[in-house]
Amino acid sequence: MACFIIGIVFLLLGAGVAVLVHPAIVYASASPGVAFGTMAEGILFYLGQWLSFWLLLLAAILFLAAWRQTPALFTPLPKWSLVFPVLCGLFLLHFLIFTMPVAANEMTWNKGDIGIAACIRALRDR
């Protein structure tokens, strides 16, 4: 049960960081004529997004450990205790699909050039 509670704490931390450094929030202050935000905005976005990813991944590992320790906590379906692992998985998918920053295309992050599609494009263009 301790792994589950600690997992919830890391889920809340990771989700909070992910929301605070979402591209719409970080780059909202960029001027319309500027091609990219300031260096500080870029660093904040990059480090914040990856910090949220690692916090959420740690939460997912803790939820898996809690499931291994007490499988009865997660059965029968549906149950309230499944809400947190499902939310964790959804936040991780959102990160990978929509907000994963790739350092190779830093100049176009504020234009939405982020996520798995940008990562594949960056790897292909090497």
C-alpha atoms as a PDB file:
ATOM      1  CA  MET A   1       0.000   0.000   0.000  1.00  0.00           C
ATOM      2  CA  ALA A   2       2.944   2.345   0.630  1.00  0.00           C
ATOM      3  CA  CYS A   3       4.070   2.001  -3.004  1.00  0.00           C
ATOM      4  CA  PHE A   4       0.576   2.939  -4.141  1.00  0.00           C
ATOM      5  CA  ILE A   5       0.444   6.076  -1.982  1.00  0.00           C
ATOM      6  CA  ILE A   6       3.951   7.160  -2.989  1.00  0.00           C
ATOM      7  CA  GLY A   7       2.981   6.492  -6.606  1.00  0.00           C
ATOM      8  CA  ILE A   8       0.016   8.851  -6.207  1.00  0.00           C
ATOM      9  CA  VAL A   9       2.369  11.530  -4.839  1.00  0.00           C
ATOM     10  CA  PHE A  10       4.719  11.168  -7.829  1.00  0.00           C
ATOM     11  CA  LEU A  11       1.738  11.141 -10.200  1.00  0.00           C
ATOM     12  CA  LEU A  12       0.490  14.425  -8.751  1.00  0.00           C
ATOM     13  CA  LEU A  13       3.986  15.960  -8.884  1.00  0.00           C
ATOM     14  CA  GLY A  14       4.551  14.822 -12.472  1.00  0.00           C
ATOM     15  CA  ALA A  15       1.125  15.969 -13.611  1.00  0.00           C
ATOM     16  CA  GLY A  16       1.584  19.309 -11.885  1.00  0.00           C
ATOM     17  CA  VAL A  17       4.952  19.917 -13.536  1.00  0.00           C
ATOM     18  CA  ALA A  18       3.557  18.801 -16.911  1.00  0.00           C
ATOM     19  CA  VAL A  19       0.695  21.283 -16.652  1.00  0.00           C
ATOM     20  CA  LEU A  20       2.930  24.136 -15.466  1.00  0.00           C
ATOM     21  CA  VAL A  21       5.417  23.711 -18.322  1.00  0.00           C
ATOM     22  CA  HIS A  22       2.903  22.933 -21.060  1.00  0.00           C
ATOM     23  CA  PRO A  23       3.963  24.665 -24.303  1.00  0.00           C
ATOM     24  CA  ALA A  24       0.805  26.797 -24.373  1.00  0.00           C
ATOM     25  CA  ILE A  25       1.727  28.221 -20.966  1.00  0.00           C
ATOM     26  CA  VAL A  26       5.515  28.526 -21.359  1.00  0.00           C
ATOM     27  CA  TYR A  27       5.421  30.111 -24.802  1.00  0.00           C
ATOM     28  CA  ALA A  28       2.348  32.298 -24.188  1.00  0.00           C
ATOM     29  CA  SER A  29       4.595  35.275 -23.469  1.00  0.00           C
ATOM     30  CA  ALA A  30       6.518  35.009 -26.759  1.00  0.00           C
ATOM     31  CA  SER A  31       5.998  37.951 -29.089  1.00  0.00           C
ATOM     32  CA  PRO A  32       4.086  37.214 -32.301  1.00  0.00           C
ATOM     33  CA  GLY A  33       6.970  38.250 -34.572  1.00  0.00           C
ATOM     34  CA  VAL A  34       9.626  36.270 -32.702  1.00  0.00           C
ATOM     35  CA  ALA A  35      10.610  32.924 -34.230  1.00  0.00           C
ATOM     36  CA  PHE A  36      11.181  31.295 -30.853  1.00  0.00           C
ATOM     37  CA  GLY A  37      10.913  32.097 -27.174  1.00  0.00           C
ATOM     38  CA  THR A  38      13.774  33.184 -25.010  1.00  0.00           C
ATOM     39  CA  MET A  39      16.517  30.793 -23.994  1.00  0.00           C
ATOM     40  CA  ALA A  40      15.067  30.638 -20.483  1.00  0.00           C
ATOM     41  CA  GLU A  41      11.671  29.599 -21.859  1.00  0.00           C
ATOM     42  CA  GLY A  42      13.307  26.852 -23.891  1.00  0.00           C
ATOM     43  CA  ILE A  43      15.288  25.523 -20.944  1.00  0.00           C
ATOM     44  CA  LEU A  44      12.239  25.695 -18.661  1.00  0.00           C
ATOM     45  CA  PHE A  45      10.118  23.834 -21.203  1.00  0.00           C
ATOM     46  CA  TYR A  46      12.735  21.176 -21.994  1.00  0.00           C
ATOM     47  CA  LEU A  47      13.770  20.400 -18.422  1.00  0.00           C
ATOM     48  CA  GLY A  48      10.227  20.666 -17.094  1.00  0.00           C
ATOM     49  CA  GLN A  49       8.771  18.277 -19.658  1.00  0.00           C
ATOM     50  CA  TRP A  50      11.484  15.689 -19.088  1.00  0.00           C
ATOM     51  CA  LEU A  51      11.199  16.081 -15.301  1.00  0.00           C
ATOM     52  CA  SER A  52       7.469  15.410 -15.533  1.00  0.00           C
ATOM     53  CA  PHE A  53       8.152  12.358 -17.715  1.00  0.00           C
ATOM     54  CA  TRP A  54      10.558  10.840 -15.196  1.00  0.00           C
ATOM     55  CA  LEU A  55       8.233  11.578 -12.272  1.00  0.00           C
ATOM     56  CA  LEU A  56       5.335   9.942 -14.113  1.00  0.00           C
ATOM     57  CA  LEU A  57       7.483   6.968 -15.093  1.00  0.00           C
ATOM     58  CA  LEU A  58       8.508   6.531 -11.461  1.00  0.00           C
ATOM     59  CA  ALA A  59       4.829   6.677 -10.483  1.00  0.00           C
ATOM     60  CA  ALA A  60       4.025   3.986 -13.060  1.00  0.00           C
ATOM     61  CA  ILE A  61       6.794   1.759 -11.677  1.00  0.00           C
ATOM     62  CA  LEU A  62       5.479   2.280  -8.151  1.00  0.00           C
ATOM     63  CA  PHE A  63       1.946   1.388  -9.268  1.00  0.00           C
ATOM     64  CA  LEU A  64       3.325  -1.776 -10.857  1.00  0.00           C
ATOM     65  CA  ALA A  65       5.147  -2.610  -7.625  1.00  0.00           C
ATOM     66  CA  ALA A  66       1.944  -2.022  -5.641  1.00  0.00           C
ATOM     67  CA  TRP A  67       0.062  -4.318  -8.005  1.00  0.00           C
ATOM     68  CA  ARG A  68       2.724  -7.010  -7.549  1.00  0.00           C
ATOM     69  CA  GLN A  69       2.543  -6.688  -3.733  1.00  0.00           C
ATOM     70  CA  THR A  70      -1.260  -6.593  -3.410  1.00  0.00           C
ATOM     71  CA  PRO A  71      -3.049  -7.640  -6.611  1.00  0.00           C
ATOM     72  CA  ALA A  72      -6.408  -7.544  -4.776  1.00  0.00           C
ATOM     73  CA  LEU A  73      -6.077  -3.743  -4.632  1.00  0.00           C
ATOM     74  CA  PHE A  74      -6.605  -3.533  -8.401  1.00  0.00           C
ATOM     75  CA  THR A  75      -9.371  -6.153  -8.856  1.00  0.00           C
ATOM     76  CA  PRO A  76     -12.252  -6.534  -9.617  1.00  0.00           C
ATOM     77  CA  LEU A  77     -12.611  -4.067 -12.454  1.00  0.00           C
ATOM     78  CA  PRO A  78     -13.600  -1.230 -12.344  1.00  0.00           C
ATOM     79  CA  LYS A  79     -12.318   0.030  -9.040  1.00  0.00           C
ATOM     80  CA  TRP A  80     -11.305   3.428  -7.700  1.00  0.00           C
ATOM     81  CA  SER A  81      -7.694   2.378  -7.285  1.00  0.00           C
ATOM     82  CA  LEU A  82      -7.349   1.947 -11.053  1.00  0.00           C
ATOM     83  CA  VAL A  83      -7.980   5.645 -11.635  1.00  0.00           C
ATOM     84  CA  PHE A  84      -4.447   6.657 -10.653  1.00  0.00           C
ATOM     85  CA  PRO A  85      -2.507   4.148 -12.833  1.00  0.00           C
ATOM     86  CA  VAL A  86      -4.783   4.944 -15.782  1.00  0.00           C
ATOM     87  CA  LEU A  87      -4.214   8.687 -15.306  1.00  0.00           C
ATOM     88  CA  CYS A  88      -0.476   8.048 -15.116  1.00  0.00           C
ATOM     89  CA  GLY A  89      -0.592   6.121 -18.374  1.00  0.00           C
ATOM     90  CA  LEU A  90      -2.621   8.857 -20.062  1.00  0.00           C
ATOM     91  CA  PHE A  91      -0.166  11.552 -18.957  1.00  0.00           C
ATOM     92  CA  LEU A  92       2.754   9.457 -20.257  1.00  0.00           C
ATOM     93  CA  LEU A  93       1.003   8.953 -23.600  1.00  0.00           C
ATOM     94  CA  HIS A  94       0.230  12.668 -23.808  1.00  0.00           C
ATOM     95  CA  PHE A  95       3.897  13.452 -23.202  1.00  0.00           C
ATOM     96  CA  LEU A  96       5.111  11.035 -25.878  1.00  0.00           C
ATOM     97  CA  ILE A  97       2.561  11.984 -28.509  1.00  0.00           C
ATOM     98  CA  PHE A  98       2.118  15.715 -28.009  1.00  0.00           C
ATOM     99  CA  THR A  99       4.756  17.412 -25.820  1.00  0.00           C
ATOM    100  CA  MET A 100       8.018  15.445 -25.926  1.00  0.00           C
ATOM    101  CA  PRO A 101      10.720  18.005 -26.758  1.00  0.00           C
ATOM    102  CA  VAL A 102      13.605  17.027 -29.018  1.00  0.00           C
ATOM    103  CA  ALA A 103      16.746  19.120 -28.524  1.00  0.00           C
ATOM    104  CA  ALA A 104      17.540  19.031 -32.253  1.00  0.00           C
ATOM    105  CA  ASN A 105      14.570  21.241 -33.153  1.00  0.00           C
ATOM    106  CA  GLU A 106      14.605  23.673 -30.236  1.00  0.00           C
ATOM    107  CA  MET A 107      13.998  26.708 -32.448  1.00  0.00           C
ATOM    108  CA  THR A 108      10.541  25.467 -33.482  1.00  0.00           C
ATOM    109  CA  TRP A 109       9.164  24.186 -30.165  1.00  0.00           C
ATOM    110  CA  ASN A 110       6.877  27.181 -29.725  1.00  0.00           C
ATOM    111  CA  LYS A 111       5.351  26.485 -33.154  1.00  0.00           C
ATOM    112  CA  GLY A 112       4.308  23.033 -31.995  1.00  0.00           C
ATOM    113  CA  ASP A 113       7.202  21.030 -33.434  1.00  0.00           C
ATOM    114  CA  ILE A 114       7.216  18.622 -30.504  1.00  0.00           C
ATOM    115  CA  GLY A 115       6.078  15.080 -29.797  1.00  0.00           C
ATOM    116  CA  ILE A 116       6.821  11.720 -31.352  1.00  0.00           C
ATOM    117  CA  ALA A 117       6.349  13.008 -34.914  1.00  0.00           C
ATOM    118  CA  ALA A 118       9.031  15.678 -34.370  1.00  0.00           C
ATOM    119  CA  CYS A 119      11.321  13.062 -32.824  1.00  0.00           C
ATOM    120  CA  ILE A 120      10.957  10.762 -35.829  1.00  0.00           C
ATOM    121  CA  ARG A 121      11.532  13.695 -38.208  1.00  0.00           C
ATOM    122  CA  ALA A 122      14.674  14.754 -36.289  1.00  0.00           C
ATOM    123  CA  LEU A 123      16.067  11.219 -36.397  1.00  0.00           C
ATOM    124  CA  ARG A 124      15.265  10.869 -40.097  1.00  0.00           C
ATOM    125  CA  ASP A 125      16.888  14.202 -40.992  1.00  0.00           C
ATOM    126  CA  ARG A 126      20.240  13.376 -39.337  1.00  0.00           C
END
